[in-house]
Amino acid sequence: MFTDNPFATLTDFWSPLVMQVYIVLMIVLVAAGTLFDIVHKGSARYFFDNWRRSKSRAQQVGGGELLSIAIQTAVVDVLASGEFCNARRRIAHLLTMYGFLLYVISTAVMVFSYSTASIWPQLWWLGGLMICLGGYWFWFFIRVDVAAEGNSAFRIVPADLFILSLLASVTLGLIWAYLQTRASAGANVFFGLYVIATTVLFASVPWSKFAHMFFKPAAAFEKRVSYANGTRSNLPGPADKPEQFGSAREQPRHY
């Protein structure tokens, strides 16, 4: 189960070109959805206008310092998710993020190369299980409205579209791969559900938080630069420090 390419058996039903075109279409949907999200919400215009205003009243930051800030942003804010103060939330986010990267890359490799003599099936399973571990942990135990506000874990709002479609896609994909190795008659049903959930995940970018992963690094970089050039020096201190919340009976868990 962990060594066979689950997409290889699909070639018995249709040409490999079908799944390859589907992968390309999903990439196009993500790119188009991200551009639409940026234009519709004005994120890029706000970012560049704010950057231009801050540069006009800031002290000069040298190229070496900018490079150092870029490296810090990549290592701390992107690779280590340093914006999360809560350790549990950071771990859940890192599991989901790196699992998603493994899962997506290995899916593309296995669809475009149907050879089973490789490590990609193991990486596909590892990535999927990491997403499930981080995603379900976040959904049932870490979400603000569940951990801090006491709402039901099954309460759904529009902002949950990304995490729910991601978990549905990966969970259905893993179930399909398992049933396929058992030659179960239900494998085709779960494959159809897997394709539907995956299409919802990548086609719903303008209405979900999917696009955040593309411009959050830019926002983190701009924040570090604004501290370096002094444009944030006249602002009040952050009001979201974790130690300002919670009580003697309970530690803050919603950051």
Protein backbone atom coordinates (compact mmCIF):
# COMPACT_ATOMS: atom_id res chain seq x y z
CA MET A 1 0.00 0.00 0.00
CA PHE A 2 2.81 2.42 0.86
CA THR A 3 5.04 1.48 -2.08
CA ASP A 4 2.60 1.44 -5.03
CA ASN A 5 1.70 4.52 -7.03
CA PRO A 6 -2.07 4.83 -6.45
CA PHE A 7 -2.52 6.75 -9.70
CA ALA A 8 -0.86 4.07 -11.84
CA THR A 9 -3.97 1.85 -11.94
CA LEU A 10 -6.01 4.72 -13.37
CA THR A 11 -4.29 4.11 -16.69
CA ASP A 12 -6.46 0.99 -17.01
CA PHE A 13 -9.53 3.23 -17.41
CA TRP A 14 -8.25 6.27 -19.30
CA SER A 15 -5.16 7.87 -20.78
CA PRO A 16 -2.60 9.34 -18.35
CA LEU A 17 -3.16 12.60 -20.21
CA VAL A 18 -6.53 12.98 -18.48
CA MET A 19 -5.06 13.23 -14.99
CA GLN A 20 -2.17 15.34 -16.25
CA VAL A 21 -4.57 17.85 -17.79
CA TYR A 22 -6.52 17.84 -14.53
CA ILE A 23 -3.37 18.72 -12.54
CA VAL A 24 -2.55 21.57 -14.94
CA LEU A 25 -6.14 22.82 -14.70
CA MET A 26 -5.92 22.89 -10.89
CA ILE A 27 -2.70 24.93 -11.12
CA VAL A 28 -4.44 27.38 -13.45
CA LEU A 29 -7.39 27.64 -11.06
CA VAL A 30 -5.08 28.45 -8.15
CA ALA A 31 -3.21 31.10 -10.15
CA ALA A 32 -6.41 32.67 -11.49
CA GLY A 33 -8.12 32.53 -8.10
CA THR A 34 -5.15 34.14 -6.36
CA LEU A 35 -5.01 36.97 -8.90
CA PHE A 36 -8.76 37.51 -8.58
CA ASP A 37 -8.48 37.53 -4.78
CA ILE A 38 -5.66 40.10 -4.88
CA VAL A 39 -7.49 42.36 -7.35
CA HIS A 40 -10.90 42.02 -5.70
CA LYS A 41 -9.65 42.71 -2.16
CA GLY A 42 -7.04 45.24 -3.26
CA SER A 43 -4.33 43.42 -1.31
CA ALA A 44 -1.52 44.15 -3.76
CA ARG A 45 -2.47 47.82 -4.18
CA TYR A 46 -2.67 48.29 -0.41
CA PHE A 47 0.68 46.55 0.09
CA PHE A 48 2.56 48.61 -2.53
CA ASP A 49 0.88 51.90 -1.50
CA ASN A 50 1.84 51.28 2.12
CA TRP A 51 5.36 50.30 1.06
CA ARG A 52 5.71 53.51 -1.00
CA ARG A 53 4.43 55.73 1.84
CA SER A 54 6.71 54.12 4.41
CA LYS A 55 9.77 54.53 2.17
CA SER A 56 9.08 58.24 1.72
CA ARG A 57 9.30 58.92 5.46
CA ALA A 58 11.76 56.26 6.53
CA GLN A 59 15.46 56.08 7.11
CA GLN A 60 17.40 54.25 4.41
CA VAL A 61 17.90 50.50 4.80
CA GLY A 62 20.99 49.12 3.05
CA GLY A 63 21.05 46.19 0.67
CA GLY A 64 22.89 43.98 3.14
CA GLU A 65 20.30 44.63 5.84
CA LEU A 66 17.47 43.97 3.35
CA LEU A 67 19.07 40.63 2.48
CA SER A 68 19.34 39.79 6.18
CA ILE A 69 15.68 40.71 6.70
CA ALA A 70 14.67 38.56 3.72
CA ILE A 71 16.57 35.58 5.16
CA GLN A 72 15.00 36.10 8.59
CA THR A 73 11.55 36.29 7.00
CA ALA A 74 12.11 33.08 5.05
CA VAL A 75 13.53 31.14 8.00
CA VAL A 76 11.46 32.46 10.91
CA ASP A 77 8.14 33.57 9.42
CA VAL A 78 7.81 31.13 6.51
CA LEU A 79 9.75 27.94 7.30
CA ALA A 80 9.18 28.02 11.08
CA SER A 81 5.79 29.85 11.21
CA GLY A 82 7.20 32.24 13.79
CA GLU A 83 4.05 34.39 13.84
CA PHE A 84 2.31 31.80 16.06
CA CYS A 85 2.98 32.34 19.76
CA ASN A 86 1.14 29.19 20.81
CA ALA A 87 3.38 26.13 20.43
CA ARG A 88 0.52 23.73 19.72
CA ARG A 89 -0.87 25.91 16.96
CA ARG A 90 2.57 26.35 15.43
CA ILE A 91 3.19 22.58 15.40
CA ALA A 92 -0.23 21.91 13.88
CA HIS A 93 0.40 24.55 11.24
CA LEU A 94 3.86 23.18 10.39
CA LEU A 95 2.50 19.64 10.11
CA THR A 96 -0.22 20.81 7.75
CA MET A 97 2.05 23.08 5.71
CA TYR A 98 4.90 20.62 5.14
CA GLY A 99 2.45 17.77 4.71
CA PHE A 100 0.63 19.77 2.04
CA LEU A 101 3.89 20.46 0.18
CA LEU A 102 4.88 16.78 0.28
CA TYR A 103 1.40 15.69 -0.74
CA VAL A 104 1.01 18.09 -3.67
CA ILE A 105 4.52 17.61 -5.07
CA SER A 106 4.39 13.82 -4.82
CA THR A 107 0.93 13.79 -6.40
CA ALA A 108 2.19 15.77 -9.39
CA VAL A 109 5.30 13.59 -9.75
CA MET A 110 3.31 10.34 -9.61
CA VAL A 111 0.69 11.59 -12.08
CA PHE A 112 3.28 12.71 -14.61
CA SER A 113 5.54 9.68 -14.00
CA TYR A 114 3.72 6.41 -13.39
CA SER A 115 6.78 4.43 -12.35
CA THR A 116 6.23 2.73 -8.98
CA ALA A 117 9.93 2.12 -8.28
CA SER A 118 10.48 5.29 -6.26
CA ILE A 119 10.02 6.88 -2.86
CA TRP A 120 7.20 9.16 -4.01
CA PRO A 121 4.33 6.89 -2.87
CA GLN A 122 5.77 6.87 0.66
CA LEU A 123 6.11 10.66 0.57
CA TRP A 124 2.51 10.92 -0.68
CA TRP A 125 1.23 8.87 2.25
CA LEU A 126 3.48 10.71 4.72
CA GLY A 127 2.29 14.09 3.47
CA GLY A 128 -1.35 13.06 3.61
CA LEU A 129 -1.05 11.70 7.14
CA MET A 130 0.76 14.86 8.28
CA ILE A 131 -2.09 16.98 6.88
CA CYS A 132 -4.67 14.84 8.67
CA LEU A 133 -2.76 14.99 11.95
CA GLY A 134 -2.22 18.75 11.87
CA GLY A 135 -5.58 19.58 10.30
CA TYR A 136 -7.83 17.52 12.56
CA TRP A 137 -5.82 18.55 15.63
CA PHE A 138 -6.39 22.19 14.69
CA TRP A 139 -10.06 21.67 13.82
CA PHE A 140 -11.14 19.86 16.98
CA PHE A 141 -8.80 21.25 19.65
CA ILE A 142 -7.02 24.48 18.66
CA ARG A 143 -9.49 26.69 16.78
CA VAL A 144 -10.29 29.93 18.60
CA ASP A 145 -14.04 29.42 18.61
CA VAL A 146 -13.60 25.89 19.98
CA ALA A 147 -10.70 26.25 22.44
CA ALA A 148 -11.42 29.75 23.75
CA GLU A 149 -15.08 30.49 23.01
CA GLY A 150 -16.51 27.06 23.73
CA ASN A 151 -18.39 26.62 20.46
CA SER A 152 -19.02 23.20 18.97
CA ALA A 153 -16.22 21.70 16.90
CA PHE A 154 -18.84 20.94 14.24
CA ARG A 155 -19.88 24.58 13.84
CA ILE A 156 -19.00 25.69 10.30
CA VAL A 157 -18.56 29.24 8.97
CA PRO A 158 -17.47 30.42 5.47
CA ALA A 159 -13.89 30.96 6.68
CA ASP A 160 -13.60 27.20 7.24
CA LEU A 161 -13.86 26.42 3.52
CA PHE A 162 -10.13 25.95 2.99
CA ILE A 163 -9.36 23.66 5.93
CA LEU A 164 -12.50 21.57 5.42
CA SER A 165 -11.99 21.10 1.68
CA LEU A 166 -8.31 20.29 2.31
CA LEU A 167 -9.14 17.67 4.95
CA ALA A 168 -11.91 16.22 2.79
CA SER A 169 -9.64 15.96 -0.25
CA VAL A 170 -6.76 14.31 1.60
CA THR A 171 -8.92 12.00 3.72
CA LEU A 172 -10.91 10.78 0.72
CA GLY A 173 -7.69 10.36 -1.26
CA LEU A 174 -6.10 8.18 1.41
CA ILE A 175 -9.26 6.08 1.77
CA TRP A 176 -9.40 5.64 -2.01
CA ALA A 177 -5.75 4.54 -2.17
CA TYR A 178 -6.30 2.04 0.65
CA LEU A 179 -9.45 0.56 -0.91
CA GLN A 180 -7.71 0.35 -4.25
CA THR A 181 -4.95 -1.84 -2.84
CA ARG A 182 -7.68 -4.10 -1.41
CA ALA A 183 -9.40 -4.26 -4.82
CA SER A 184 -12.57 -3.01 -3.13
CA ALA A 185 -15.61 -2.16 -5.23
CA GLY A 186 -16.00 1.10 -3.31
CA ALA A 187 -12.66 2.46 -4.52
CA ASN A 188 -14.22 4.08 -7.60
CA VAL A 189 -16.83 5.85 -5.46
CA PHE A 190 -14.20 7.31 -3.17
CA PHE A 191 -12.08 8.32 -6.15
CA GLY A 192 -15.02 10.32 -7.52
CA LEU A 193 -15.52 11.98 -4.13
CA TYR A 194 -11.77 12.62 -3.97
CA VAL A 195 -11.82 14.44 -7.31
CA ILE A 196 -14.86 16.51 -6.29
CA ALA A 197 -13.30 17.56 -2.96
CA THR A 198 -9.98 18.37 -4.65
CA THR A 199 -11.73 20.48 -7.28
CA VAL A 200 -13.56 22.41 -4.55
CA LEU A 201 -10.24 22.97 -2.73
CA PHE A 202 -8.46 24.49 -5.74
CA ALA A 203 -11.45 26.17 -7.39
CA SER A 204 -12.56 28.00 -4.23
CA VAL A 205 -9.38 30.06 -3.83
CA PRO A 206 -11.19 33.46 -4.15
CA TRP A 207 -13.52 32.53 -1.27
CA SER A 208 -11.10 30.69 1.03
CA LYS A 209 -7.82 31.38 2.83
CA PHE A 210 -5.79 29.51 0.21
CA ALA A 211 -4.33 32.69 -1.29
CA HIS A 212 -2.97 33.78 2.10
CA MET A 213 0.00 31.45 1.74
CA PHE A 214 1.23 33.52 -1.22
CA PHE A 215 1.13 37.04 0.22
CA LYS A 216 1.71 36.33 3.92
CA PRO A 217 5.50 36.13 3.35
CA ALA A 218 5.39 39.51 1.61
CA ALA A 219 3.44 41.01 4.52
CA ALA A 220 5.91 39.53 7.03
CA PHE A 221 8.85 40.95 5.05
CA GLU A 222 7.23 44.41 4.90
CA LYS A 223 6.61 44.32 8.67
CA ARG A 224 10.26 43.54 9.40
CA VAL A 225 11.44 46.27 7.02
CA SER A 226 9.11 48.80 8.67
CA TYR A 227 10.67 48.01 12.05
CA ALA A 228 14.16 48.37 10.56
CA ASN A 229 13.53 51.73 8.87
CA GLY A 230 11.68 53.20 11.86
CA THR A 231 8.23 53.69 10.32
CA ARG A 232 6.63 51.60 13.08
CA SER A 233 8.50 53.31 15.90
CA ASN A 234 5.63 55.71 16.67
CA LEU A 235 2.99 52.99 16.82
CA PRO A 236 1.74 51.60 20.15
CA GLY A 237 2.93 48.19 21.27
CA PRO A 238 1.07 45.09 20.13
CA ALA A 239 -2.20 44.51 21.94
CA ASP A 240 -2.34 40.80 21.26
CA LYS A 241 0.32 39.54 23.66
CA PRO A 242 -0.72 36.12 24.96
CA GLU A 243 0.13 37.00 28.55
CA GLN A 244 -2.66 39.57 28.57
CA PHE A 245 -5.25 36.81 28.22
CA GLY A 246 -6.23 33.78 30.25
CA SER A 247 -6.46 33.53 34.01
CA ALA A 248 -4.84 31.88 37.01
CA ARG A 249 -7.01 28.82 36.34
CA GLU A 250 -6.40 28.47 32.61
CA GLN A 251 -3.53 29.27 30.29
CA PRO A 252 -4.31 31.21 27.08
CA ARG A 253 -4.75 28.76 24.19
CA HIS A 254 -6.11 30.88 21.36
CA TYR A 255 -2.86 32.31 19.90
